[in-house]
């Protein structure tokens, strides 16, 4: 999110990026919400995927 101390060029850049659908640090977008809504991988062993 833009803070009050950000130079105007950065605030304008963030608005432009968000307006064109780009991912912007500090803002949760639709892709974030989709990824966060996925269930955990409870069927996998702790520490990663096991080898066959």
N, C-alpha and C. Protein backbone atom coordinates (compact mmCIF):
# COMPACT_ATOMS: atom_id res chain seq x y z
N UNK A 1 0.84 -1.17 0.00
CA UNK A 1 0.00 0.00 0.00
C UNK A 1 0.88 1.24 0.00
N UNK A 2 0.44 2.23 -0.68
CA UNK A 2 1.18 3.49 -0.72
C UNK A 2 1.05 4.18 0.63
N UNK A 3 2.17 4.67 1.12
CA UNK A 3 2.15 5.41 2.38
C UNK A 3 2.21 6.91 2.06
N UNK A 4 1.85 7.76 3.01
CA UNK A 4 1.85 9.20 2.76
C UNK A 4 3.23 9.75 2.40
N UNK A 5 4.32 9.03 2.76
CA UNK A 5 5.65 9.52 2.47
C UNK A 5 6.19 9.04 1.12
N UNK A 6 5.44 8.21 0.41
CA UNK A 6 5.88 7.76 -0.91
C UNK A 6 5.92 8.95 -1.87
N UNK A 7 7.01 9.04 -2.66
CA UNK A 7 7.04 10.08 -3.69
C UNK A 7 5.88 9.88 -4.66
N UNK A 8 5.34 10.93 -5.23
CA UNK A 8 4.19 10.82 -6.13
C UNK A 8 4.41 9.85 -7.29
N UNK A 9 5.64 9.73 -7.79
CA UNK A 9 5.88 8.83 -8.92
C UNK A 9 5.58 7.38 -8.54
N UNK A 10 5.89 7.00 -7.30
CA UNK A 10 5.61 5.62 -6.87
C UNK A 10 4.10 5.40 -6.70
N UNK A 11 3.42 6.37 -6.16
CA UNK A 11 1.97 6.24 -6.02
C UNK A 11 1.30 6.12 -7.38
N UNK A 12 1.77 6.91 -8.34
CA UNK A 12 1.21 6.84 -9.69
C UNK A 12 1.52 5.50 -10.34
N UNK A 13 2.73 4.98 -10.12
CA UNK A 13 3.11 3.69 -10.67
C UNK A 13 2.25 2.56 -10.10
N UNK A 14 2.02 2.59 -8.78
CA UNK A 14 1.16 1.58 -8.16
C UNK A 14 -0.25 1.64 -8.73
N UNK A 15 -0.80 2.83 -8.90
CA UNK A 15 -2.15 2.97 -9.47
C UNK A 15 -2.18 2.41 -10.89
N UNK A 16 -1.15 2.71 -11.67
CA UNK A 16 -1.09 2.23 -13.05
C UNK A 16 -1.01 0.71 -13.09
N UNK A 17 -0.15 0.13 -12.27
CA UNK A 17 0.00 -1.33 -12.25
C UNK A 17 -1.29 -2.00 -11.81
N UNK A 18 -1.89 -1.51 -10.73
CA UNK A 18 -3.14 -2.11 -10.26
C UNK A 18 -4.24 -1.96 -11.30
N UNK A 19 -4.27 -0.80 -11.97
CA UNK A 19 -5.29 -0.55 -12.99
C UNK A 19 -5.16 -1.48 -14.19
N UNK A 20 -3.93 -1.96 -14.45
CA UNK A 20 -3.73 -2.87 -15.58
C UNK A 20 -3.78 -4.33 -15.16
N UNK A 21 -4.14 -4.59 -13.88
CA UNK A 21 -4.31 -5.96 -13.42
C UNK A 21 -3.04 -6.64 -12.95
N UNK A 22 -1.96 -5.89 -12.78
CA UNK A 22 -0.71 -6.49 -12.33
C UNK A 22 -0.72 -6.74 -10.83
N UNK A 23 0.12 -7.68 -10.41
CA UNK A 23 0.29 -7.95 -8.99
C UNK A 23 1.16 -6.84 -8.41
N UNK A 24 0.75 -6.31 -7.27
CA UNK A 24 1.46 -5.21 -6.63
C UNK A 24 1.78 -5.63 -5.19
N UNK A 25 3.04 -5.48 -4.77
CA UNK A 25 3.40 -5.82 -3.39
C UNK A 25 2.53 -5.05 -2.39
N UNK A 26 2.08 -5.76 -1.37
CA UNK A 26 1.27 -5.13 -0.34
C UNK A 26 -0.22 -5.20 -0.58
N UNK A 27 -0.64 -5.72 -1.72
CA UNK A 27 -2.06 -5.84 -2.06
C UNK A 27 -2.37 -7.29 -2.38
N UNK A 28 -3.40 -7.81 -1.77
CA UNK A 28 -3.81 -9.18 -2.09
C UNK A 28 -4.76 -9.13 -3.28
N UNK A 29 -4.42 -9.89 -4.30
CA UNK A 29 -5.23 -9.89 -5.52
C UNK A 29 -6.04 -11.19 -5.62
N UNK A 30 -6.74 -11.37 -6.71
CA UNK A 30 -7.59 -12.54 -6.90
C UNK A 30 -6.78 -13.83 -6.87
N UNK A 31 -5.60 -13.81 -7.46
CA UNK A 31 -4.76 -15.01 -7.46
C UNK A 31 -4.37 -15.40 -6.03
N UNK A 32 -4.08 -14.40 -5.20
CA UNK A 32 -3.76 -14.67 -3.80
C UNK A 32 -4.94 -15.33 -3.09
N UNK A 33 -6.13 -14.80 -3.30
CA UNK A 33 -7.31 -15.36 -2.64
C UNK A 33 -7.56 -16.80 -3.09
N UNK A 34 -7.34 -17.08 -4.37
CA UNK A 34 -7.53 -18.45 -4.87
C UNK A 34 -6.50 -19.40 -4.25
N UNK A 35 -5.24 -18.97 -4.20
CA UNK A 35 -4.19 -19.82 -3.64
C UNK A 35 -4.41 -20.05 -2.14
N UNK A 36 -4.81 -19.01 -1.43
CA UNK A 36 -5.01 -19.12 0.01
C UNK A 36 -6.22 -19.99 0.35
N UNK A 37 -7.16 -20.12 -0.57
CA UNK A 37 -8.36 -20.91 -0.32
C UNK A 37 -8.15 -22.41 -0.58
N UNK A 38 -7.03 -22.78 -1.20
CA UNK A 38 -6.78 -24.20 -1.49
C UNK A 38 -6.57 -24.98 -0.19
N UNK A 39 -7.02 -26.22 -0.17
CA UNK A 39 -6.81 -27.04 1.04
C UNK A 39 -5.33 -27.41 1.18
N UNK A 40 -4.94 -27.69 2.41
CA UNK A 40 -3.57 -28.14 2.67
C UNK A 40 -3.34 -29.52 2.10
N UNK A 41 -2.11 -29.89 1.92
CA UNK A 41 -1.76 -31.21 1.39
C UNK A 41 -1.60 -32.19 2.53
N UNK A 42 -2.69 -32.56 3.15
CA UNK A 42 -2.63 -33.44 4.30
C UNK A 42 -2.27 -34.88 3.93
N UNK A 43 -2.36 -35.23 2.64
CA UNK A 43 -2.04 -36.60 2.21
C UNK A 43 -0.55 -36.79 1.96
N UNK A 44 0.25 -35.74 2.11
CA UNK A 44 1.69 -35.84 1.86
C UNK A 44 2.44 -35.90 3.18
N UNK A 45 3.55 -36.63 3.18
CA UNK A 45 4.31 -36.75 4.43
C UNK A 45 4.95 -35.41 4.82
N UNK A 46 5.16 -35.20 6.11
CA UNK A 46 5.84 -33.97 6.54
C UNK A 46 7.22 -33.88 5.93
N UNK A 47 7.64 -32.70 5.59
CA UNK A 47 8.97 -32.51 5.04
C UNK A 47 9.04 -32.60 3.53
N UNK A 48 7.92 -32.77 2.86
CA UNK A 48 7.94 -32.78 1.41
C UNK A 48 7.35 -34.04 0.81
N UNK A 49 7.46 -34.13 -0.48
CA UNK A 49 6.89 -35.26 -1.21
C UNK A 49 7.86 -36.43 -1.16
N UNK A 50 7.34 -37.58 -0.83
CA UNK A 50 8.18 -38.78 -0.80
C UNK A 50 8.50 -39.29 -2.20
N UNK A 51 9.64 -39.93 -2.34
CA UNK A 51 10.03 -40.50 -3.63
C UNK A 51 9.36 -41.86 -3.80
N UNK A 52 9.06 -42.23 -5.05
CA UNK A 52 8.42 -43.53 -5.28
C UNK A 52 9.32 -44.69 -4.95
